[in-house]
Full PDB file with SEQRES, HELIX, SHEET, SSBOND, CRYST1, ORIGX, SCALE, CONECT and MASTER records, all heavy atoms in Angstrom:
SEQRES   1 A   33  ILE PHE ASN SER VAL THR MET GLY TRP PHE ARG ARG ALA          
SEQRES   2 A   33  PRO GLY LYS GLU ARG LEU LEU VAL ALA ALA ILE SER PHE          
SEQRES   3 A   33  ASP GLY ASN THR LEU TYR ALA                                  
SHEET    1 AA1 3 MET A   7  ARG A  12  0                                        
SHEET    2 AA1 3 ARG A  18  ILE A  24 -1                                        
SHEET    3 AA1 3 THR A  30  TYR A  32 -1                                        
CRYST1    1.000    1.000    1.000  90.00  90.00  90.00 P 1           1          
ORIGX1      1.000000  0.000000  0.000000        0.00000                         
ORIGX2      0.000000  1.000000  0.000000        0.00000                         
ORIGX3      0.000000  0.000000  1.000000        0.00000                         
SCALE1      1.000000  0.000000  0.000000        0.00000                         
SCALE2      0.000000  1.000000  0.000000        0.00000                         
SCALE3      0.000000  0.000000  1.000000        0.00000                         
ATOM      1  N   ILE A   1      11.053  -3.499  -9.344  1.00  0.00           N  
ATOM      2  CA  ILE A   1      10.115  -2.710  -8.545  1.00  0.00           C  
ATOM      3  C   ILE A   1      10.406  -2.882  -7.061  1.00  0.00           C  
ATOM      4  O   ILE A   1      10.321  -1.957  -6.271  1.00  0.00           O  
ATOM      5  CB  ILE A   1       8.670  -3.178  -8.813  1.00  0.00           C  
ATOM      6  CG1 ILE A   1       8.313  -3.055 -10.284  1.00  0.00           C  
ATOM      7  CG2 ILE A   1       7.680  -2.421  -7.943  1.00  0.00           C  
ATOM      8  CD1 ILE A   1       7.008  -3.739 -10.630  1.00  0.00           C  
ATOM      9  N   PHE A   2      10.706  -4.097  -6.675  1.00  0.00           N  
ATOM     10  CA  PHE A   2      10.606  -4.506  -5.288  1.00  0.00           C  
ATOM     11  C   PHE A   2      11.760  -4.048  -4.422  1.00  0.00           C  
ATOM     12  O   PHE A   2      11.568  -3.722  -3.245  1.00  0.00           O  
ATOM     13  CB  PHE A   2      10.499  -6.037  -5.242  1.00  0.00           C  
ATOM     14  CG  PHE A   2       9.809  -6.556  -4.024  1.00  0.00           C  
ATOM     15  CD1 PHE A   2       8.428  -6.558  -3.935  1.00  0.00           C  
ATOM     16  CD2 PHE A   2      10.550  -7.063  -2.956  1.00  0.00           C  
ATOM     17  CE1 PHE A   2       7.789  -7.046  -2.823  1.00  0.00           C  
ATOM     18  CE2 PHE A   2       9.915  -7.555  -1.828  1.00  0.00           C  
ATOM     19  CZ  PHE A   2       8.524  -7.549  -1.765  1.00  0.00           C  
ATOM     20  N   ASN A   3      12.953  -4.024  -4.979  1.00  0.00           N  
ATOM     21  CA  ASN A   3      14.141  -3.784  -4.170  1.00  0.00           C  
ATOM     22  C   ASN A   3      14.098  -2.450  -3.441  1.00  0.00           C  
ATOM     23  O   ASN A   3      13.973  -1.397  -4.053  1.00  0.00           O  
ATOM     24  CB  ASN A   3      15.394  -3.846  -5.053  1.00  0.00           C  
ATOM     25  CG  ASN A   3      15.779  -5.265  -5.367  1.00  0.00           C  
ATOM     26  OD1 ASN A   3      15.282  -6.201  -4.748  1.00  0.00           O  
ATOM     27  ND2 ASN A   3      16.661  -5.435  -6.329  1.00  0.00           N  
ATOM     28  N   SER A   4      14.189  -2.532  -2.124  1.00  0.00           N  
ATOM     29  CA  SER A   4      14.364  -1.364  -1.255  1.00  0.00           C  
ATOM     30  C   SER A   4      13.207  -0.372  -1.330  1.00  0.00           C  
ATOM     31  O   SER A   4      13.375   0.795  -1.006  1.00  0.00           O  
ATOM     32  CB  SER A   4      15.670  -0.642  -1.581  1.00  0.00           C  
ATOM     33  OG  SER A   4      16.764  -1.516  -1.454  1.00  0.00           O  
ATOM     34  N   VAL A   5      12.043  -0.833  -1.760  1.00  0.00           N  
ATOM     35  CA  VAL A   5      10.911   0.076  -1.945  1.00  0.00           C  
ATOM     36  C   VAL A   5       9.792  -0.263  -0.973  1.00  0.00           C  
ATOM     37  O   VAL A   5       9.523  -1.437  -0.723  1.00  0.00           O  
ATOM     38  CB  VAL A   5      10.391  -0.016  -3.393  1.00  0.00           C  
ATOM     39  CG1 VAL A   5       9.100   0.780  -3.564  1.00  0.00           C  
ATOM     40  CG2 VAL A   5      11.440   0.500  -4.365  1.00  0.00           C  
ATOM     41  N   THR A   6       9.140   0.754  -0.465  1.00  0.00           N  
ATOM     42  CA  THR A   6       7.932   0.532   0.323  1.00  0.00           C  
ATOM     43  C   THR A   6       6.800   0.134  -0.619  1.00  0.00           C  
ATOM     44  O   THR A   6       6.518   0.838  -1.592  1.00  0.00           O  
ATOM     45  CB  THR A   6       7.551   1.791   1.106  1.00  0.00           C  
ATOM     46  OG1 THR A   6       8.584   2.084   2.047  1.00  0.00           O  
ATOM     47  CG2 THR A   6       6.236   1.608   1.848  1.00  0.00           C  
ATOM     48  N   MET A   7       6.193  -0.986  -0.343  1.00  0.00           N  
ATOM     49  CA  MET A   7       5.107  -1.505  -1.169  1.00  0.00           C  
ATOM     50  C   MET A   7       3.773  -1.284  -0.465  1.00  0.00           C  
ATOM     51  O   MET A   7       3.689  -1.252   0.767  1.00  0.00           O  
ATOM     52  CB  MET A   7       5.310  -2.986  -1.432  1.00  0.00           C  
ATOM     53  CG  MET A   7       6.539  -3.309  -2.263  1.00  0.00           C  
ATOM     54  SD  MET A   7       6.459  -2.657  -3.943  1.00  0.00           S  
ATOM     55  CE  MET A   7       5.080  -3.601  -4.633  1.00  0.00           C  
ATOM     56  N   GLY A   8       2.737  -1.163  -1.275  1.00  0.00           N  
ATOM     57  CA  GLY A   8       1.421  -0.916  -0.706  1.00  0.00           C  
ATOM     58  C   GLY A   8       0.346  -1.743  -1.367  1.00  0.00           C  
ATOM     59  O   GLY A   8       0.507  -2.205  -2.503  1.00  0.00           O  
ATOM     60  N   TRP A   9      -0.724  -1.952  -0.641  1.00  0.00           N  
ATOM     61  CA  TRP A   9      -1.959  -2.517  -1.185  1.00  0.00           C  
ATOM     62  C   TRP A   9      -2.983  -1.373  -1.247  1.00  0.00           C  
ATOM     63  O   TRP A   9      -3.149  -0.620  -0.275  1.00  0.00           O  
ATOM     64  CB  TRP A   9      -2.481  -3.635  -0.304  1.00  0.00           C  
ATOM     65  CG  TRP A   9      -1.816  -4.948  -0.544  1.00  0.00           C  
ATOM     66  CD1 TRP A   9      -0.822  -5.517   0.193  1.00  0.00           C  
ATOM     67  CD2 TRP A   9      -2.113  -5.873  -1.589  1.00  0.00           C  
ATOM     68  NE1 TRP A   9      -0.470  -6.720  -0.334  1.00  0.00           N  
ATOM     69  CE2 TRP A   9      -1.251  -6.979  -1.434  1.00  0.00           C  
ATOM     70  CE3 TRP A   9      -3.025  -5.887  -2.654  1.00  0.00           C  
ATOM     71  CZ2 TRP A   9      -1.267  -8.077  -2.293  1.00  0.00           C  
ATOM     72  CZ3 TRP A   9      -3.041  -6.976  -3.501  1.00  0.00           C  
ATOM     73  CH2 TRP A   9      -2.167  -8.049  -3.315  1.00  0.00           C  
ATOM     74  N   PHE A  10      -3.648  -1.330  -2.377  1.00  0.00           N  
ATOM     75  CA  PHE A  10      -4.662  -0.325  -2.616  1.00  0.00           C  
ATOM     76  C   PHE A  10      -5.973  -1.036  -2.938  1.00  0.00           C  
ATOM     77  O   PHE A  10      -5.974  -2.205  -3.300  1.00  0.00           O  
ATOM     78  CB  PHE A  10      -4.288   0.534  -3.828  1.00  0.00           C  
ATOM     79  CG  PHE A  10      -2.986   1.271  -3.701  1.00  0.00           C  
ATOM     80  CD1 PHE A  10      -1.774   0.605  -3.812  1.00  0.00           C  
ATOM     81  CD2 PHE A  10      -2.963   2.632  -3.483  1.00  0.00           C  
ATOM     82  CE1 PHE A  10      -0.561   1.285  -3.705  1.00  0.00           C  
ATOM     83  CE2 PHE A  10      -1.762   3.328  -3.379  1.00  0.00           C  
ATOM     84  CZ  PHE A  10      -0.563   2.643  -3.495  1.00  0.00           C  
ATOM     85  N   ARG A  11      -7.062  -0.300  -2.868  1.00  0.00           N  
ATOM     86  CA  ARG A  11      -8.323  -0.861  -3.330  1.00  0.00           C  
ATOM     87  C   ARG A  11      -9.175   0.216  -3.967  1.00  0.00           C  
ATOM     88  O   ARG A  11      -9.088   1.386  -3.603  1.00  0.00           O  
ATOM     89  CB  ARG A  11      -9.093  -1.541  -2.191  1.00  0.00           C  
ATOM     90  CG  ARG A  11      -9.631  -0.617  -1.109  1.00  0.00           C  
ATOM     91  CD  ARG A  11     -10.253  -1.453   0.006  1.00  0.00           C  
ATOM     92  NE  ARG A  11     -10.839  -0.616   1.058  1.00  0.00           N  
ATOM     93  CZ  ARG A  11     -11.258  -1.112   2.231  1.00  0.00           C  
ATOM     94  NH1 ARG A  11     -11.164  -2.429   2.477  1.00  0.00           N  
ATOM     95  NH2 ARG A  11     -11.773  -0.294   3.132  1.00  0.00           N  
ATOM     96  N   ARG A  12      -9.977  -0.239  -4.926  1.00  0.00           N  
ATOM     97  CA  ARG A  12     -10.925   0.658  -5.581  1.00  0.00           C  
ATOM     98  C   ARG A  12     -12.299   0.018  -5.499  1.00  0.00           C  
ATOM     99  O   ARG A  12     -12.541  -1.018  -6.123  1.00  0.00           O  
ATOM    100  CB  ARG A  12     -10.547   0.911  -7.035  1.00  0.00           C  
ATOM    101  CG  ARG A  12     -11.582   1.725  -7.792  1.00  0.00           C  
ATOM    102  CD  ARG A  12     -11.129   2.020  -9.199  1.00  0.00           C  
ATOM    103  NE  ARG A  12     -10.198   3.130  -9.235  1.00  0.00           N  
ATOM    104  CZ  ARG A  12      -9.431   3.412 -10.273  1.00  0.00           C  
ATOM    105  NH1 ARG A  12      -9.479   2.672 -11.364  1.00  0.00           N  
ATOM    106  NH2 ARG A  12      -8.631   4.455 -10.242  1.00  0.00           N  
ATOM    107  N   ALA A  13     -13.151   0.632  -4.716  1.00  0.00           N  
ATOM    108  CA  ALA A  13     -14.532   0.173  -4.613  1.00  0.00           C  
ATOM    109  C   ALA A  13     -15.331   0.735  -5.785  1.00  0.00           C  
ATOM    110  O   ALA A  13     -14.932   1.741  -6.392  1.00  0.00           O  
ATOM    111  CB  ALA A  13     -15.138   0.633  -3.295  1.00  0.00           C  
ATOM    112  N   PRO A  14     -16.442   0.102  -6.139  1.00  0.00           N  
ATOM    113  CA  PRO A  14     -17.253   0.591  -7.254  1.00  0.00           C  
ATOM    114  C   PRO A  14     -17.621   2.056  -7.105  1.00  0.00           C  
ATOM    115  O   PRO A  14     -18.126   2.477  -6.067  1.00  0.00           O  
ATOM    116  CB  PRO A  14     -18.495  -0.304  -7.191  1.00  0.00           C  
ATOM    117  CG  PRO A  14     -18.026  -1.553  -6.548  1.00  0.00           C  
ATOM    118  CD  PRO A  14     -16.993  -1.125  -5.548  1.00  0.00           C  
ATOM    119  N   GLY A  15     -17.313   2.844  -8.139  1.00  0.00           N  
ATOM    120  CA  GLY A  15     -17.659   4.252  -8.134  1.00  0.00           C  
ATOM    121  C   GLY A  15     -16.788   5.139  -7.274  1.00  0.00           C  
ATOM    122  O   GLY A  15     -17.088   6.323  -7.105  1.00  0.00           O  
ATOM    123  N   LYS A  16     -15.704   4.579  -6.753  1.00  0.00           N  
ATOM    124  CA  LYS A  16     -14.847   5.371  -5.856  1.00  0.00           C  
ATOM    125  C   LYS A  16     -13.413   5.382  -6.369  1.00  0.00           C  
ATOM    126  O   LYS A  16     -13.043   4.612  -7.245  1.00  0.00           O  
ATOM    127  CB  LYS A  16     -14.904   4.804  -4.435  1.00  0.00           C  
ATOM    128  CG  LYS A  16     -16.296   4.885  -3.810  1.00  0.00           C  
ATOM    129  CD  LYS A  16     -16.271   4.478  -2.358  1.00  0.00           C  
ATOM    130  CE  LYS A  16     -17.653   4.642  -1.739  1.00  0.00           C  
ATOM    131  NZ  LYS A  16     -17.660   4.267  -0.293  1.00  0.00           N  
ATOM    132  N   GLU A  17     -12.614   6.244  -5.812  1.00  0.00           N  
ATOM    133  CA  GLU A  17     -11.219   6.327  -6.225  1.00  0.00           C  
ATOM    134  C   GLU A  17     -10.389   5.237  -5.554  1.00  0.00           C  
ATOM    135  O   GLU A  17     -10.799   4.660  -4.546  1.00  0.00           O  
ATOM    136  CB  GLU A  17     -10.642   7.701  -5.858  1.00  0.00           C  
ATOM    137  CG  GLU A  17     -10.623   7.994  -4.370  1.00  0.00           C  
ATOM    138  CD  GLU A  17     -10.029   9.364  -4.083  1.00  0.00           C  
ATOM    139  OE1 GLU A  17      -9.416   9.976  -4.963  1.00  0.00           O  
ATOM    140  OE2 GLU A  17     -10.192   9.825  -2.935  1.00  0.00           O  
ATOM    141  N   ARG A  18      -9.257   4.982  -6.117  1.00  0.00           N  
ATOM    142  CA  ARG A  18      -8.333   3.989  -5.565  1.00  0.00           C  
ATOM    143  C   ARG A  18      -7.639   4.584  -4.343  1.00  0.00           C  
ATOM    144  O   ARG A  18      -7.100   5.695  -4.413  1.00  0.00           O  
ATOM    145  CB  ARG A  18      -7.318   3.570  -6.624  1.00  0.00           C  
ATOM    146  CG  ARG A  18      -6.362   2.499  -6.183  1.00  0.00           C  
ATOM    147  CD  ARG A  18      -5.773   1.759  -7.370  1.00  0.00           C  
ATOM    148  NE  ARG A  18      -5.463   2.604  -8.491  1.00  0.00           N  
ATOM    149  CZ  ARG A  18      -5.367   2.166  -9.751  1.00  0.00           C  
ATOM    150  NH1 ARG A  18      -5.552   0.884 -10.022  1.00  0.00           N  
ATOM    151  NH2 ARG A  18      -5.075   2.993 -10.735  1.00  0.00           N  
ATOM    152  N   LEU A  19      -7.625   3.825  -3.257  1.00  0.00           N  
ATOM    153  CA  LEU A  19      -7.064   4.307  -2.004  1.00  0.00           C  
ATOM    154  C   LEU A  19      -6.058   3.312  -1.444  1.00  0.00           C  
ATOM    155  O   LEU A  19      -6.233   2.104  -1.565  1.00  0.00           O  
ATOM    156  CB  LEU A  19      -8.174   4.535  -0.965  1.00  0.00           C  
ATOM    157  CG  LEU A  19      -9.233   5.588  -1.283  1.00  0.00           C  
ATOM    158  CD1 LEU A  19     -10.323   5.577  -0.228  1.00  0.00           C  
ATOM    159  CD2 LEU A  19      -8.612   6.963  -1.406  1.00  0.00           C  
ATOM    160  N   LEU A  20      -5.059   3.844  -0.781  1.00  0.00           N  
ATOM    161  CA  LEU A  20      -4.075   3.005  -0.092  1.00  0.00           C  
ATOM    162  C   LEU A  20      -4.696   2.446   1.179  1.00  0.00           C  
ATOM    163  O   LEU A  20      -5.268   3.200   1.973  1.00  0.00           O  
ATOM    164  CB  LEU A  20      -2.841   3.831   0.251  1.00  0.00           C  
ATOM    165  CG  LEU A  20      -1.725   3.124   1.004  1.00  0.00           C  
ATOM    166  CD1 LEU A  20      -1.023   2.108   0.109  1.00  0.00           C  
ATOM    167  CD2 LEU A  20      -0.716   4.137   1.540  1.00  0.00           C  
ATOM    168  N   VAL A  21      -4.578   1.142   1.390  1.00  0.00           N  
ATOM    169  CA  VAL A  21      -5.097   0.536   2.625  1.00  0.00           C  
ATOM    170  C   VAL A  21      -3.995   0.056   3.544  1.00  0.00           C  
ATOM    171  O   VAL A  21      -4.190  -0.024   4.758  1.00  0.00           O  
ATOM    172  CB  VAL A  21      -6.078  -0.620   2.342  1.00  0.00           C  
ATOM    173  CG1 VAL A  21      -7.317  -0.110   1.634  1.00  0.00           C  
ATOM    174  CG2 VAL A  21      -5.431  -1.725   1.548  1.00  0.00           C  
ATOM    175  N   ALA A  22      -2.833  -0.283   3.001  1.00  0.00           N  
ATOM    176  CA  ALA A  22      -1.731  -0.749   3.838  1.00  0.00           C  
ATOM    177  C   ALA A  22      -0.429  -0.592   3.077  1.00  0.00           C  
ATOM    178  O   ALA A  22      -0.418  -0.662   1.841  1.00  0.00           O  
ATOM    179  CB  ALA A  22      -1.930  -2.216   4.227  1.00  0.00           C  
ATOM    180  N   ALA A  23       0.653  -0.410   3.812  1.00  0.00           N  
ATOM    181  CA  ALA A  23       1.969  -0.297   3.199  1.00  0.00           C  
ATOM    182  C   ALA A  23       3.005  -0.911   4.114  1.00  0.00           C  
ATOM    183  O   ALA A  23       2.812  -0.975   5.342  1.00  0.00           O  
ATOM    184  CB  ALA A  23       2.312   1.164   2.903  1.00  0.00           C  
ATOM    185  N   ILE A  24       4.106  -1.366   3.517  1.00  0.00           N  
ATOM    186  CA  ILE A  24       5.178  -1.975   4.281  1.00  0.00           C  
ATOM    187  C   ILE A  24       6.511  -1.580   3.665  1.00  0.00           C  
ATOM    188  O   ILE A  24       6.705  -1.686   2.463  1.00  0.00           O  
ATOM    189  CB  ILE A  24       5.012  -3.511   4.353  1.00  0.00           C  
ATOM    190  CG1 ILE A  24       6.088  -4.137   5.239  1.00  0.00           C  
ATOM    191  CG2 ILE A  24       4.996  -4.141   2.961  1.00  0.00           C  
ATOM    192  CD1 ILE A  24       5.796  -5.598   5.590  1.00  0.00           C  
ATOM    193  N   SER A  25       7.424  -1.115   4.517  1.00  0.00           N  
ATOM    194  CA  SER A  25       8.739  -0.745   4.048  1.00  0.00           C  
ATOM    195  C   SER A  25       9.587  -1.985   3.804  1.00  0.00           C  
ATOM    196  O   SER A  25       9.208  -3.101   4.183  1.00  0.00           O  
ATOM    197  CB  SER A  25       9.431   0.160   5.078  1.00  0.00           C  
ATOM    198  OG  SER A  25       9.716  -0.582   6.256  1.00  0.00           O  
ATOM    199  N   PHE A  26      10.734  -1.786   3.190  1.00  0.00           N  
ATOM    200  CA  PHE A  26      11.595  -2.928   2.890  1.00  0.00           C  
ATOM    201  C   PHE A  26      12.021  -3.650   4.159  1.00  0.00           C  
ATOM    202  O   PHE A  26      12.193  -4.876   4.158  1.00  0.00           O  
ATOM    203  CB  PHE A  26      12.820  -2.463   2.107  1.00  0.00           C  
ATOM    204  CG  PHE A  26      13.623  -3.579   1.515  1.00  0.00           C  
ATOM    205  CD1 PHE A  26      13.169  -4.244   0.394  1.00  0.00           C  
ATOM    206  CD2 PHE A  26      14.826  -3.985   2.082  1.00  0.00           C  
ATOM    207  CE1 PHE A  26      13.890  -5.290  -0.166  1.00  0.00           C  
ATOM    208  CE2 PHE A  26      15.558  -5.010   1.536  1.00  0.00           C  
ATOM    209  CZ  PHE A  26      15.094  -5.669   0.410  1.00  0.00           C  
ATOM    210  N   ASP A  27      12.158  -2.902   5.274  1.00  0.00           N  
ATOM    211  CA  ASP A  27      12.584  -3.538   6.526  1.00  0.00           C  
ATOM    212  C   ASP A  27      11.417  -3.847   7.449  1.00  0.00           C  
ATOM    213  O   ASP A  27      11.632  -4.153   8.627  1.00  0.00           O  
ATOM    214  CB  ASP A  27      13.622  -2.667   7.245  1.00  0.00           C  
ATOM    215  CG  ASP A  27      13.098  -1.273   7.530  1.00  0.00           C  
ATOM    216  OD1 ASP A  27      11.956  -0.966   7.133  1.00  0.00           O  
ATOM    217  OD2 ASP A  27      13.829  -0.496   8.154  1.00  0.00           O  
ATOM    218  N   GLY A  28      10.190  -3.761   6.923  1.00  0.00           N  
ATOM    219  CA  GLY A  28       9.050  -4.297   7.646  1.00  0.00           C  
ATOM    220  C   GLY A  28       8.198  -3.336   8.446  1.00  0.00           C  
ATOM    221  O   GLY A  28       7.264  -3.769   9.130  1.00  0.00           O  
ATOM    222  N   ASN A  29       8.451  -2.067   8.378  1.00  0.00           N  
ATOM    223  CA  ASN A  29       7.571  -1.113   9.052  1.00  0.00           C  
ATOM    224  C   ASN A  29       6.260  -1.012   8.285  1.00  0.00           C  
ATOM    225  O   ASN A  29       6.256  -0.948   7.061  1.00  0.00           O  
ATOM    226  CB  ASN A  29       8.234   0.260   9.146  1.00  0.00           C  
ATOM    227  CG  ASN A  29       9.440   0.241  10.064  1.00  0.00           C  
ATOM    228  OD1 ASN A  29       9.367  -0.265  11.171  1.00  0.00           O  
ATOM    229  ND2 ASN A  29      10.549   0.784   9.588  1.00  0.00           N  
ATOM    230  N   THR A  30       5.165  -0.988   9.017  1.00  0.00           N  
ATOM    231  CA  THR A  30       3.852  -1.018   8.372  1.00  0.00           C  
ATOM    232  C   THR A  30       2.990   0.181   8.744  1.00  0.00           C  
ATOM    233  O   THR A  30       3.203   0.826   9.771  1.00  0.00           O  
ATOM    234  CB  THR A  30       3.088  -2.297   8.764  1.00  0.00           C  
ATOM    235  OG1 THR A  30       2.945  -2.323  10.194  1.00  0.00           O  
ATOM    236  CG2 THR A  30       3.825  -3.542   8.312  1.00  0.00           C  
ATOM    237  N   LEU A  31       2.050   0.464   7.882  1.00  0.00           N  
ATOM    238  CA  LEU A  31       1.009   1.429   8.190  1.00  0.00           C  
ATOM    239  C   LEU A  31      -0.292   0.962   7.565  1.00  0.00           C  
ATOM    240  O   LEU A  31      -0.281   0.209   6.584  1.00  0.00           O  
ATOM    241  CB  LEU A  31       1.382   2.831   7.713  1.00  0.00           C  
ATOM    242  CG  LEU A  31       1.525   3.092   6.214  1.00  0.00           C  
ATOM    243  CD1 LEU A  31       0.177   3.390   5.574  1.00  0.00           C  
ATOM    244  CD2 LEU A  31       2.463   4.270   5.973  1.00  0.00           C  
ATOM    245  N   TYR A  32      -1.403   1.395   8.176  1.00  0.00           N  
ATOM    246  CA  TYR A  32      -2.720   0.945   7.734  1.00  0.00           C  
ATOM    247  C   TYR A  32      -3.705   2.110   7.715  1.00  0.00           C  
ATOM    248  O   TYR A  32      -3.629   3.020   8.553  1.00  0.00           O  
ATOM    249  CB  TYR A  32      -3.259  -0.128   8.676  1.00  0.00           C  
ATOM    250  CG  TYR A  32      -2.415  -1.377   8.725  1.00  0.00           C  
ATOM    251  CD1 TYR A  32      -1.422  -1.535   9.682  1.00  0.00           C  
ATOM    252  CD2 TYR A  32      -2.616  -2.400   7.799  1.00  0.00           C  
ATOM    253  CE1 TYR A  32      -0.633  -2.676   9.719  1.00  0.00           C  
ATOM    254  CE2 TYR A  32      -1.835  -3.548   7.825  1.00  0.00           C  
ATOM    255  CZ  TYR A  32      -0.844  -3.677   8.788  1.00  0.00           C  
ATOM    256  OH  TYR A  32      -0.075  -4.803   8.818  1.00  0.00           O  
ATOM    257  N   ALA A  33      -4.629   2.024   6.780  1.00  0.00           N  
ATOM    258  CA  ALA A  33      -5.745   2.956   6.809  1.00  0.00           C  
ATOM    259  C   ALA A  33      -6.601   2.633   8.032  1.00  0.00           C  
ATOM    260  O   ALA A  33      -6.688   1.475   8.455  1.00  0.00           O  
ATOM    261  CB  ALA A  33      -6.576   2.812   5.535  1.00  0.00           C  
TER     262      ALA A  33                                                      
MASTER        0    0    0    0    3    0    0    6  261    1    0    3          
END                                                                             
């Protein structure tokens, strides 16, 4: 899964859909909700 892939953290609050909160590329570029 991990090699060369942008990874993300998601969250699902009660009664809500799962949403992306943060992501990081293989070389460290980040984005945040």
